[in-house]
């Protein structure tokens, strides 16, 4: 998977990740999930502990999705969606963990070239994706460190006191990123 071209990884992601949503069969979705896990473990050679871990918030969201569909339609529909979303998560890991950020940015810029007709700048679109990939983990870590700091001071539970320092630091990160872009002539 590390040597595969980016377009092949995107095609794989579309076929294995998106097609099961349209088919709507739990067997097809389970097969797609199994294939995604096999590609992640054996094709990308990522250790299972790292590759298969899911954020606890995603697990909570999946459980809520299953419960919601239990009331609205059938729990099996919720399980189907949860399996499909997990498959997409694992396939996205394959793409992001086996492809350099430069190759990802180049592929996004190439895909955005037709948008030049509308006045879009493909390189700016690729840069926006790169900033997002850099910012999201930073912000998650930021909230985690603020929570840990509050716990160290004896604060428990959810509180706006957790949110305010994290938001202030996130805004500071955004302003620093903006200043760095402006200094390089990218606005």
N, C-alpha and C. Protein backbone atom coordinates (compact mmCIF):
# COMPACT_ATOMS: atom_id res chain seq x y z
N UNK A 1 0.81 -1.19 0.00
CA UNK A 1 0.00 0.00 0.00
C UNK A 1 0.86 1.27 0.00
N UNK A 2 2.04 1.18 0.57
CA UNK A 2 2.92 2.35 0.62
C UNK A 2 3.40 2.74 -0.78
N UNK A 3 3.54 1.77 -1.66
CA UNK A 3 4.04 2.05 -3.01
C UNK A 3 2.93 2.31 -4.02
N UNK A 4 1.69 2.04 -3.65
CA UNK A 4 0.57 2.23 -4.58
C UNK A 4 0.36 3.72 -4.86
N UNK A 5 -0.02 4.06 -6.09
CA UNK A 5 -0.28 5.47 -6.38
C UNK A 5 -1.51 5.96 -5.62
N UNK A 6 -1.56 7.26 -5.41
CA UNK A 6 -2.65 7.85 -4.62
C UNK A 6 -3.99 7.59 -5.28
N UNK A 7 -4.06 7.69 -6.61
CA UNK A 7 -5.33 7.50 -7.29
C UNK A 7 -5.87 6.09 -7.05
N UNK A 8 -4.98 5.11 -6.94
CA UNK A 8 -5.41 3.73 -6.69
C UNK A 8 -5.98 3.60 -5.28
N UNK A 9 -5.38 4.30 -4.34
CA UNK A 9 -5.90 4.26 -2.98
C UNK A 9 -7.27 4.92 -2.90
N UNK A 10 -7.44 6.03 -3.61
CA UNK A 10 -8.75 6.68 -3.64
C UNK A 10 -9.79 5.79 -4.31
N UNK A 11 -9.40 5.12 -5.38
CA UNK A 11 -10.32 4.21 -6.06
C UNK A 11 -10.71 3.06 -5.14
N UNK A 12 -9.74 2.52 -4.44
CA UNK A 12 -9.99 1.46 -3.47
C UNK A 12 -10.95 1.94 -2.39
N UNK A 13 -10.73 3.15 -1.92
CA UNK A 13 -11.59 3.73 -0.90
C UNK A 13 -13.02 3.89 -1.42
N UNK A 14 -13.16 4.30 -2.67
CA UNK A 14 -14.50 4.47 -3.24
C UNK A 14 -15.20 3.13 -3.41
N UNK A 15 -14.47 2.14 -3.92
CA UNK A 15 -15.10 0.84 -4.17
C UNK A 15 -15.45 0.10 -2.88
N UNK A 16 -14.50 0.03 -1.98
CA UNK A 16 -14.72 -0.75 -0.76
C UNK A 16 -15.50 0.05 0.28
N UNK A 17 -15.35 1.37 0.27
CA UNK A 17 -15.97 2.17 1.31
C UNK A 17 -17.34 2.73 0.98
N UNK A 18 -17.55 3.12 -0.27
CA UNK A 18 -18.80 3.80 -0.61
C UNK A 18 -19.83 2.85 -1.20
N UNK A 19 -19.40 1.88 -1.98
CA UNK A 19 -20.34 0.95 -2.62
C UNK A 19 -21.24 0.23 -1.61
N UNK A 20 -20.73 -0.24 -0.44
CA UNK A 20 -21.63 -0.90 0.52
C UNK A 20 -22.78 -0.01 1.01
N UNK A 21 -22.60 1.31 1.03
CA UNK A 21 -23.69 2.20 1.42
C UNK A 21 -24.86 2.06 0.44
N UNK A 22 -24.54 1.92 -0.85
CA UNK A 22 -25.59 1.83 -1.86
C UNK A 22 -26.22 0.44 -1.92
N UNK A 23 -25.45 -0.59 -1.64
CA UNK A 23 -25.98 -1.95 -1.70
C UNK A 23 -26.90 -2.22 -0.52
N UNK A 24 -26.50 -1.80 0.68
CA UNK A 24 -27.36 -1.93 1.85
C UNK A 24 -27.49 -3.33 2.41
N UNK A 25 -26.51 -4.17 2.18
CA UNK A 25 -26.52 -5.54 2.72
C UNK A 25 -25.48 -5.65 3.82
N UNK A 26 -25.88 -6.22 4.94
CA UNK A 26 -24.94 -6.38 6.05
C UNK A 26 -23.80 -7.29 5.67
N UNK A 27 -24.05 -8.25 4.79
CA UNK A 27 -22.99 -9.18 4.38
C UNK A 27 -21.95 -8.48 3.51
N UNK A 28 -22.40 -7.61 2.62
CA UNK A 28 -21.48 -6.84 1.78
C UNK A 28 -20.68 -5.88 2.66
N UNK A 29 -21.37 -5.25 3.62
CA UNK A 29 -20.69 -4.31 4.52
C UNK A 29 -19.67 -5.03 5.40
N UNK A 30 -20.02 -6.20 5.90
CA UNK A 30 -19.09 -6.98 6.73
C UNK A 30 -17.88 -7.42 5.90
N UNK A 31 -18.12 -7.81 4.66
CA UNK A 31 -17.02 -8.19 3.77
C UNK A 31 -16.11 -6.99 3.50
N UNK A 32 -16.71 -5.83 3.27
CA UNK A 32 -15.92 -4.62 3.03
C UNK A 32 -15.09 -4.26 4.26
N UNK A 33 -15.68 -4.37 5.45
CA UNK A 33 -14.94 -4.09 6.68
C UNK A 33 -13.79 -5.07 6.86
N UNK A 34 -14.04 -6.33 6.60
CA UNK A 34 -12.98 -7.35 6.71
C UNK A 34 -11.85 -7.06 5.73
N UNK A 35 -12.21 -6.69 4.51
CA UNK A 35 -11.20 -6.36 3.50
C UNK A 35 -10.40 -5.12 3.90
N UNK A 36 -11.09 -4.11 4.44
CA UNK A 36 -10.40 -2.90 4.88
C UNK A 36 -9.42 -3.20 6.01
N UNK A 37 -9.85 -4.02 6.96
CA UNK A 37 -8.97 -4.40 8.08
C UNK A 37 -7.76 -5.19 7.56
N UNK A 38 -8.00 -6.12 6.64
CA UNK A 38 -6.90 -6.90 6.08
C UNK A 38 -5.91 -6.00 5.35
N UNK A 39 -6.42 -5.06 4.56
CA UNK A 39 -5.52 -4.13 3.86
C UNK A 39 -4.75 -3.26 4.83
N UNK A 40 -5.41 -2.84 5.90
CA UNK A 40 -4.77 -1.99 6.89
C UNK A 40 -3.66 -2.74 7.62
N UNK A 41 -3.94 -3.96 8.00
CA UNK A 41 -2.96 -4.73 8.77
C UNK A 41 -1.87 -5.33 7.91
N UNK A 42 -2.25 -5.94 6.80
CA UNK A 42 -1.29 -6.68 6.00
C UNK A 42 -0.76 -5.89 4.80
N UNK A 43 -1.59 -5.04 4.23
CA UNK A 43 -1.15 -4.24 3.08
C UNK A 43 -0.35 -3.03 3.50
N UNK A 44 -0.78 -2.38 4.59
CA UNK A 44 -0.10 -1.17 5.06
C UNK A 44 0.91 -1.47 6.15
N UNK A 45 0.88 -2.69 6.70
CA UNK A 45 1.82 -3.12 7.75
C UNK A 45 1.80 -2.19 8.96
N UNK A 46 0.59 -1.83 9.39
CA UNK A 46 0.43 -0.98 10.57
C UNK A 46 0.05 -1.90 11.73
N UNK A 47 0.69 -1.76 12.89
CA UNK A 47 0.38 -2.63 14.03
C UNK A 47 -1.11 -2.57 14.39
N UNK A 48 -1.68 -3.70 14.76
CA UNK A 48 -3.12 -3.80 15.02
C UNK A 48 -3.57 -2.86 16.11
N UNK A 49 -2.80 -2.73 17.16
CA UNK A 49 -3.20 -1.86 18.28
C UNK A 49 -3.41 -0.43 17.81
N UNK A 50 -2.56 0.04 16.94
CA UNK A 50 -2.66 1.40 16.42
C UNK A 50 -3.71 1.49 15.31
N UNK A 51 -3.68 0.52 14.42
CA UNK A 51 -4.53 0.59 13.24
C UNK A 51 -6.01 0.43 13.55
N UNK A 52 -6.35 -0.42 14.48
CA UNK A 52 -7.75 -0.73 14.73
C UNK A 52 -8.39 0.08 15.83
N UNK A 53 -7.62 0.89 16.54
CA UNK A 53 -8.20 1.69 17.61
C UNK A 53 -9.11 2.77 17.01
N UNK A 54 -10.21 3.01 17.68
CA UNK A 54 -11.15 4.04 17.26
C UNK A 54 -11.31 5.05 18.40
N UNK A 55 -11.48 6.31 18.07
CA UNK A 55 -11.71 7.31 19.13
C UNK A 55 -12.99 6.98 19.89
N UNK A 56 -12.97 7.19 21.19
CA UNK A 56 -14.13 6.85 22.00
C UNK A 56 -15.36 7.64 21.58
N UNK A 57 -15.17 8.86 21.09
CA UNK A 57 -16.31 9.66 20.64
C UNK A 57 -16.98 9.02 19.41
N UNK A 58 -16.19 8.42 18.56
CA UNK A 58 -16.75 7.74 17.39
C UNK A 58 -17.55 6.51 17.83
N UNK A 59 -17.04 5.80 18.81
CA UNK A 59 -17.76 4.63 19.32
C UNK A 59 -19.09 5.06 19.94
N UNK A 60 -19.08 6.15 20.69
CA UNK A 60 -20.32 6.68 21.27
C UNK A 60 -21.28 7.09 20.17
N UNK A 61 -20.76 7.73 19.11
CA UNK A 61 -21.60 8.15 18.00
C UNK A 61 -22.22 6.94 17.31
N UNK A 62 -21.45 5.88 17.13
CA UNK A 62 -21.97 4.67 16.49
C UNK A 62 -23.07 4.04 17.36
N UNK A 63 -22.85 3.99 18.66
CA UNK A 63 -23.87 3.44 19.55
C UNK A 63 -25.14 4.28 19.49
N UNK A 64 -25.00 5.59 19.47
CA UNK A 64 -26.17 6.47 19.36
C UNK A 64 -26.88 6.26 18.03
N UNK A 65 -26.14 6.04 16.98
CA UNK A 65 -26.72 5.78 15.66
C UNK A 65 -27.53 4.49 15.67
N UNK A 66 -27.01 3.48 16.30
CA UNK A 66 -27.73 2.20 16.39
C UNK A 66 -29.01 2.37 17.21
N UNK A 67 -28.92 3.07 18.34
CA UNK A 67 -30.10 3.31 19.18
C UNK A 67 -31.13 4.15 18.42
N UNK A 68 -30.68 5.18 17.74
CA UNK A 68 -31.58 6.03 16.96
C UNK A 68 -32.34 5.20 15.93
N UNK A 69 -31.63 4.38 15.19
CA UNK A 69 -32.30 3.56 14.18
C UNK A 69 -33.17 2.49 14.81
N UNK A 70 -32.88 2.11 16.04
CA UNK A 70 -33.75 1.19 16.76
C UNK A 70 -35.12 1.78 16.99
N UNK A 71 -35.17 3.09 17.18
CA UNK A 71 -36.46 3.77 17.36
C UNK A 71 -37.11 4.14 16.04
N UNK A 72 -36.32 4.61 15.09
CA UNK A 72 -36.85 5.14 13.84
C UNK A 72 -37.16 4.04 12.83
N UNK A 73 -36.26 3.09 12.67
CA UNK A 73 -36.48 2.01 11.69
C UNK A 73 -36.15 0.68 12.35
N UNK A 74 -34.96 0.17 12.07
CA UNK A 74 -34.53 -1.08 12.71
C UNK A 74 -33.10 -0.92 13.21
N UNK A 75 -32.77 -1.59 14.31
CA UNK A 75 -31.38 -1.51 14.79
C UNK A 75 -30.38 -2.01 13.75
N UNK A 76 -30.80 -2.95 12.90
CA UNK A 76 -29.89 -3.49 11.89
C UNK A 76 -29.43 -2.40 10.93
N UNK A 77 -30.31 -1.44 10.61
CA UNK A 77 -29.91 -0.33 9.74
C UNK A 77 -28.81 0.49 10.43
N UNK A 78 -28.93 0.70 11.73
CA UNK A 78 -27.90 1.42 12.48
C UNK A 78 -26.59 0.65 12.50
N UNK A 79 -26.67 -0.67 12.67
CA UNK A 79 -25.47 -1.51 12.63
C UNK A 79 -24.83 -1.43 11.25
N UNK A 80 -25.65 -1.45 10.22
CA UNK A 80 -25.16 -1.34 8.84
C UNK A 80 -24.39 -0.04 8.64
N UNK A 81 -24.98 1.07 9.08
CA UNK A 81 -24.29 2.36 8.95
C UNK A 81 -23.01 2.39 9.78
N UNK A 82 -23.06 1.84 10.99
CA UNK A 82 -21.87 1.84 11.85
C UNK A 82 -20.74 1.03 11.21
N UNK A 83 -21.07 -0.10 10.63
CA UNK A 83 -20.05 -0.93 9.96
C UNK A 83 -19.48 -0.18 8.76
N UNK A 84 -20.35 0.47 7.98
CA UNK A 84 -19.88 1.21 6.80
C UNK A 84 -19.00 2.39 7.18
N UNK A 85 -19.37 3.13 8.21
CA UNK A 85 -18.55 4.27 8.64
C UNK A 85 -17.21 3.79 9.18
N UNK A 86 -17.20 2.69 9.91
CA UNK A 86 -15.94 2.14 10.41
C UNK A 86 -15.05 1.71 9.25
N UNK A 87 -15.65 1.12 8.23
CA UNK A 87 -14.90 0.73 7.04
C UNK A 87 -14.24 1.95 6.40
N UNK A 88 -15.01 3.02 6.26
CA UNK A 88 -14.47 4.25 5.66
C UNK A 88 -13.33 4.81 6.52
N UNK A 89 -13.49 4.75 7.84
CA UNK A 89 -12.43 5.24 8.73
C UNK A 89 -11.13 4.46 8.51
N UNK A 90 -11.24 3.14 8.42
CA UNK A 90 -10.05 2.32 8.23
C UNK A 90 -9.43 2.56 6.85
N UNK A 91 -10.24 2.72 5.84
CA UNK A 91 -9.71 3.00 4.50
C UNK A 91 -9.04 4.36 4.45
N UNK A 92 -9.62 5.32 5.14
CA UNK A 92 -8.99 6.65 5.20
C UNK A 92 -7.64 6.58 5.90
N UNK A 93 -7.54 5.73 6.90
CA UNK A 93 -6.24 5.54 7.56
C UNK A 93 -5.22 4.98 6.60
N UNK A 94 -5.64 4.06 5.75
CA UNK A 94 -4.71 3.51 4.77
C UNK A 94 -4.17 4.62 3.89
N UNK A 95 -5.07 5.47 3.41
CA UNK A 95 -4.65 6.56 2.51
C UNK A 95 -3.73 7.53 3.24
N UNK A 96 -4.11 7.97 4.42
CA UNK A 96 -3.31 8.99 5.09
C UNK A 96 -2.03 8.46 5.70
N UNK A 97 -2.00 7.19 6.12
CA UNK A 97 -0.81 6.63 6.76
C UNK A 97 0.18 6.06 5.77
N UNK A 98 -0.23 5.82 4.54
CA UNK A 98 0.69 5.22 3.57
C UNK A 98 1.06 6.18 2.44
N UNK A 99 0.63 7.43 2.55
CA UNK A 99 0.89 8.41 1.51
C UNK A 99 1.53 9.64 2.15
N UNK A 100 2.55 10.17 1.52
CA UNK A 100 3.17 11.38 2.06
C UNK A 100 2.22 12.56 1.91
N UNK A 101 2.40 13.54 2.78
CA UNK A 101 1.51 14.71 2.71
C UNK A 101 1.68 15.45 1.39
N UNK A 102 2.90 15.46 0.83
CA UNK A 102 3.10 16.11 -0.47
C UNK A 102 2.32 15.40 -1.57
N UNK A 103 2.33 14.08 -1.56
CA UNK A 103 1.58 13.33 -2.57
C UNK A 103 0.08 13.55 -2.41
N UNK A 104 -0.39 13.62 -1.17
CA UNK A 104 -1.81 13.90 -0.94
C UNK A 104 -2.18 15.29 -1.45
N UNK A 105 -1.35 16.27 -1.14
CA UNK A 105 -1.62 17.64 -1.60
C UNK A 105 -1.60 17.72 -3.12
N UNK A 106 -0.65 17.06 -3.74
CA UNK A 106 -0.58 17.07 -5.21
C UNK A 106 -1.83 16.42 -5.82
N UNK A 107 -2.29 15.33 -5.23
CA UNK A 107 -3.47 14.66 -5.79
C UNK A 107 -4.72 15.52 -5.61
N UNK A 108 -4.82 16.21 -4.49
CA UNK A 108 -5.97 17.10 -4.29
C UNK A 108 -5.91 18.26 -5.26
N UNK A 109 -4.73 18.82 -5.47
CA UNK A 109 -4.59 19.93 -6.42
C UNK A 109 -4.95 19.47 -7.83
N UNK A 110 -4.52 18.26 -8.21
CA UNK A 110 -4.88 17.73 -9.53
C UNK A 110 -6.38 17.54 -9.67
N UNK A 111 -7.00 17.02 -8.62
CA UNK A 111 -8.45 16.78 -8.66
C UNK A 111 -9.23 18.10 -8.70
N UNK A 112 -8.65 19.15 -8.15
CA UNK A 112 -9.34 20.45 -8.10
C UNK A 112 -9.09 21.30 -9.34
N UNK A 113 -8.25 20.86 -10.25
CA UNK A 113 -7.96 21.65 -11.46
C UNK A 113 -9.19 22.03 -12.27
N UNK A 114 -10.18 21.15 -12.42
CA UNK A 114 -11.37 21.56 -13.16
C UNK A 114 -12.12 22.74 -12.53
N UNK A 115 -11.88 22.99 -11.25
CA UNK A 115 -12.55 24.10 -10.58
C UNK A 115 -11.95 25.46 -10.94
N UNK A 116 -10.85 25.46 -11.69
CA UNK A 116 -10.27 26.72 -12.16
C UNK A 116 -11.28 27.51 -12.99
N UNK A 117 -12.15 26.80 -13.69
CA UNK A 117 -13.17 27.44 -14.50
C UNK A 117 -14.05 28.35 -13.64
N UNK A 118 -14.27 27.94 -12.39
CA UNK A 118 -15.08 28.73 -11.45
C UNK A 118 -14.26 29.77 -10.71
N UNK A 119 -12.97 29.86 -11.00
CA UNK A 119 -12.11 30.84 -10.33
C UNK A 119 -11.38 30.30 -9.11
N UNK A 120 -11.47 29.01 -8.86
CA UNK A 120 -10.80 28.42 -7.70
C UNK A 120 -9.32 28.20 -7.98
N UNK A 121 -8.54 28.24 -6.93
CA UNK A 121 -7.10 27.99 -7.01
C UNK A 121 -6.84 26.58 -6.47
N UNK A 122 -6.48 25.62 -7.32
CA UNK A 122 -6.28 24.23 -6.85
C UNK A 122 -5.22 24.11 -5.76
N UNK A 123 -4.15 24.89 -5.86
CA UNK A 123 -3.11 24.82 -4.84
C UNK A 123 -3.62 25.32 -3.49
N UNK A 124 -4.47 26.34 -3.51
CA UNK A 124 -5.05 26.86 -2.26
C UNK A 124 -6.00 25.82 -1.65
N UNK A 125 -6.72 25.10 -2.48
CA UNK A 125 -7.61 24.05 -1.98
C UNK A 125 -6.78 22.95 -1.32
N UNK A 126 -5.69 22.56 -1.97
CA UNK A 126 -4.81 21.53 -1.40
C UNK A 126 -4.20 22.02 -0.09
N UNK A 127 -3.82 23.28 -0.04
CA UNK A 127 -3.26 23.84 1.19
C UNK A 127 -4.30 23.85 2.31
N UNK A 128 -5.54 24.14 1.96
CA UNK A 128 -6.60 24.13 2.97
C UNK A 128 -6.77 22.72 3.56
N UNK A 129 -6.70 21.69 2.71
CA UNK A 129 -6.77 20.32 3.22
C UNK A 129 -5.58 20.01 4.11
N UNK A 130 -4.41 20.44 3.70
CA UNK A 130 -3.21 20.18 4.51
C UNK A 130 -3.31 20.87 5.87
N UNK A 131 -3.82 22.08 5.88
CA UNK A 131 -4.00 22.78 7.16
C UNK A 131 -5.01 22.06 8.05
N UNK A 132 -6.05 21.54 7.44
CA UNK A 132 -7.05 20.80 8.20
C UNK A 132 -6.42 19.54 8.81
N UNK A 133 -5.62 18.80 8.01
CA UNK A 133 -4.99 17.59 8.53
C UNK A 133 -4.03 17.90 9.66
N UNK A 134 -3.43 19.07 9.61
CA UNK A 134 -2.50 19.46 10.67
C UNK A 134 -3.25 19.98 11.89
N UNK A 135 -4.34 20.68 11.67
CA UNK A 135 -5.05 21.35 12.76
C UNK A 135 -5.91 20.42 13.60
N UNK A 136 -6.57 19.47 12.98
CA UNK A 136 -7.50 18.61 13.73
C UNK A 136 -6.79 17.83 14.83
N UNK A 137 -5.68 17.14 14.55
CA UNK A 137 -5.00 16.45 15.67
C UNK A 137 -4.50 17.42 16.73
N UNK A 138 -4.04 18.60 16.31
CA UNK A 138 -3.57 19.58 17.28
C UNK A 138 -4.69 19.98 18.23
N UNK A 139 -5.87 20.23 17.68
CA UNK A 139 -6.99 20.67 18.51
C UNK A 139 -7.46 19.55 19.43
N UNK A 140 -7.48 18.31 18.94
CA UNK A 140 -7.84 17.19 19.82
C UNK A 140 -6.84 17.07 20.96
N UNK A 141 -5.56 17.17 20.65
CA UNK A 141 -4.53 17.11 21.69
C UNK A 141 -4.67 18.27 22.66
N UNK A 142 -5.03 19.42 22.13
CA UNK A 142 -5.21 20.62 22.95
C UNK A 142 -6.31 20.41 23.99
N UNK A 143 -7.46 19.91 23.55
CA UNK A 143 -8.55 19.66 24.48
C UNK A 143 -8.16 18.59 25.50
N UNK A 144 -7.42 17.59 25.07
CA UNK A 144 -6.96 16.56 26.00
C UNK A 144 -6.01 17.11 27.05
N UNK A 145 -5.09 17.97 26.63
CA UNK A 145 -4.14 18.52 27.59
C UNK A 145 -4.82 19.49 28.56
N UNK A 146 -5.80 20.25 28.08
CA UNK A 146 -6.55 21.15 28.98
C UNK A 146 -7.34 20.33 29.98
N UNK A 147 -7.96 19.23 29.52
CA UNK A 147 -8.71 18.35 30.43
C UNK A 147 -7.76 17.75 31.47
N UNK A 148 -6.58 17.30 31.04
CA UNK A 148 -5.62 16.72 31.97
C UNK A 148 -5.13 17.76 32.98
N UNK A 149 -4.92 18.97 32.52
CA UNK A 149 -4.50 20.04 33.44
C UNK A 149 -5.57 20.33 34.47
N UNK A 150 -6.82 20.35 34.04
CA UNK A 150 -7.92 20.61 34.98
C UNK A 150 -8.04 19.47 35.99
N UNK A 151 -7.88 18.25 35.52
CA UNK A 151 -7.93 17.11 36.44
C UNK A 151 -6.80 17.15 37.44
N UNK A 152 -5.63 17.60 37.01
CA UNK A 152 -4.49 17.70 37.91
C UNK A 152 -4.75 18.72 39.02
N UNK A 153 -5.60 19.71 38.71
CA UNK A 153 -5.96 20.71 39.72
C UNK A 153 -7.19 20.30 40.52
N UNK A 154 -7.69 19.08 40.28
CA UNK A 154 -8.79 18.57 41.08
C UNK A 154 -10.17 18.81 40.49
N UNK A 155 -10.27 19.33 39.28
CA UNK A 155 -11.57 19.56 38.66
C UNK A 155 -12.02 18.28 37.97
N UNK A 156 -13.26 17.91 38.18
CA UNK A 156 -13.82 16.70 37.58
C UNK A 156 -15.07 17.07 36.77
N UNK A 157 -15.44 16.15 35.88
CA UNK A 157 -16.66 16.35 35.09
C UNK A 157 -16.45 17.33 33.95
N UNK A 158 -17.51 17.57 33.21
CA UNK A 158 -17.45 18.52 32.12
C UNK A 158 -17.79 19.91 32.64
N UNK A 159 -17.03 20.86 32.24
CA UNK A 159 -17.23 22.22 32.73
C UNK A 159 -16.81 23.21 31.65
N UNK A 160 -17.45 24.38 31.61
CA UNK A 160 -16.98 25.42 30.68
C UNK A 160 -15.53 25.84 30.98
N UNK A 161 -15.09 25.55 32.21
CA UNK A 161 -13.70 25.88 32.54
C UNK A 161 -12.72 25.06 31.71
N UNK A 162 -13.16 23.91 31.19
CA UNK A 162 -12.33 23.13 30.28
C UNK A 162 -12.33 23.76 28.90
N UNK A 163 -13.46 24.27 28.50
CA UNK A 163 -13.66 24.74 27.14
C UNK A 163 -12.94 26.06 26.88
N UNK A 164 -13.01 26.98 27.80
CA UNK A 164 -12.48 28.33 27.56
C UNK A 164 -10.98 28.33 27.27
N UNK A 165 -10.13 27.70 28.10
CA UNK A 165 -8.70 27.71 27.76
C UNK A 165 -8.38 27.02 26.43
N UNK A 166 -9.12 25.96 26.14
CA UNK A 166 -8.88 25.25 24.88
C UNK A 166 -9.26 26.12 23.69
N UNK A 167 -10.39 26.82 23.78
CA UNK A 167 -10.82 27.69 22.68
C UNK A 167 -9.83 28.84 22.50
N UNK A 168 -9.37 29.42 23.60
CA UNK A 168 -8.40 30.52 23.50
C UNK A 168 -7.11 30.04 22.84
N UNK A 169 -6.63 28.86 23.21
CA UNK A 169 -5.42 28.33 22.60
C UNK A 169 -5.64 27.96 21.14
N UNK A 170 -6.84 27.44 20.81
CA UNK A 170 -7.15 27.09 19.41
C UNK A 170 -7.20 28.34 18.55
N UNK A 171 -7.78 29.41 19.07
CA UNK A 171 -7.81 30.67 18.33
C UNK A 171 -6.40 31.20 18.15
N UNK A 172 -5.58 31.09 19.18
CA UNK A 172 -4.18 31.50 19.06
C UNK A 172 -3.44 30.70 18.00
N UNK A 173 -3.71 29.40 17.93
CA UNK A 173 -3.11 28.54 16.91
C UNK A 173 -3.55 29.00 15.52
N UNK A 174 -4.83 29.30 15.39
CA UNK A 174 -5.36 29.77 14.10
C UNK A 174 -4.73 31.09 13.69
N UNK A 175 -4.58 32.01 14.63
CA UNK A 175 -3.96 33.30 14.32
C UNK A 175 -2.49 33.14 13.95
N UNK A 176 -1.78 32.27 14.65
CA UNK A 176 -0.37 32.03 14.33
C UNK A 176 -0.23 31.39 12.94
N UNK A 177 -1.13 30.47 12.61
CA UNK A 177 -1.12 29.85 11.28
C UNK A 177 -1.41 30.89 10.21
N UNK A 178 -2.38 31.75 10.49
CA UNK A 178 -2.73 32.83 9.54
C UNK A 178 -1.55 33.77 9.33
N UNK A 179 -0.87 34.13 10.41
CA UNK A 179 0.30 35.01 10.29
C UNK A 179 1.40 34.35 9.47
N UNK A 180 1.61 33.04 9.69
CA UNK A 180 2.64 32.33 8.92
C UNK A 180 2.29 32.28 7.44
N UNK A 181 1.02 32.06 7.13
CA UNK A 181 0.60 32.05 5.73
C UNK A 181 0.76 33.43 5.08
N UNK A 182 0.35 34.44 5.83
CA UNK A 182 0.45 35.82 5.32
C UNK A 182 1.91 36.20 5.08
N UNK A 183 2.81 35.76 5.97
CA UNK A 183 4.25 36.07 5.81
C UNK A 183 4.83 35.43 4.55
N UNK A 184 4.22 34.33 4.12
CA UNK A 184 4.68 33.64 2.92
C UNK A 184 3.91 34.08 1.67
N UNK A 185 3.04 35.08 1.84
CA UNK A 185 2.29 35.61 0.71
C UNK A 185 1.09 34.78 0.32
N UNK A 186 0.63 33.92 1.22
CA UNK A 186 -0.54 33.09 0.94
C UNK A 186 -1.71 33.57 1.79
N UNK A 187 -2.62 34.27 1.17
CA UNK A 187 -3.77 34.76 1.95
C UNK A 187 -5.04 34.17 1.44
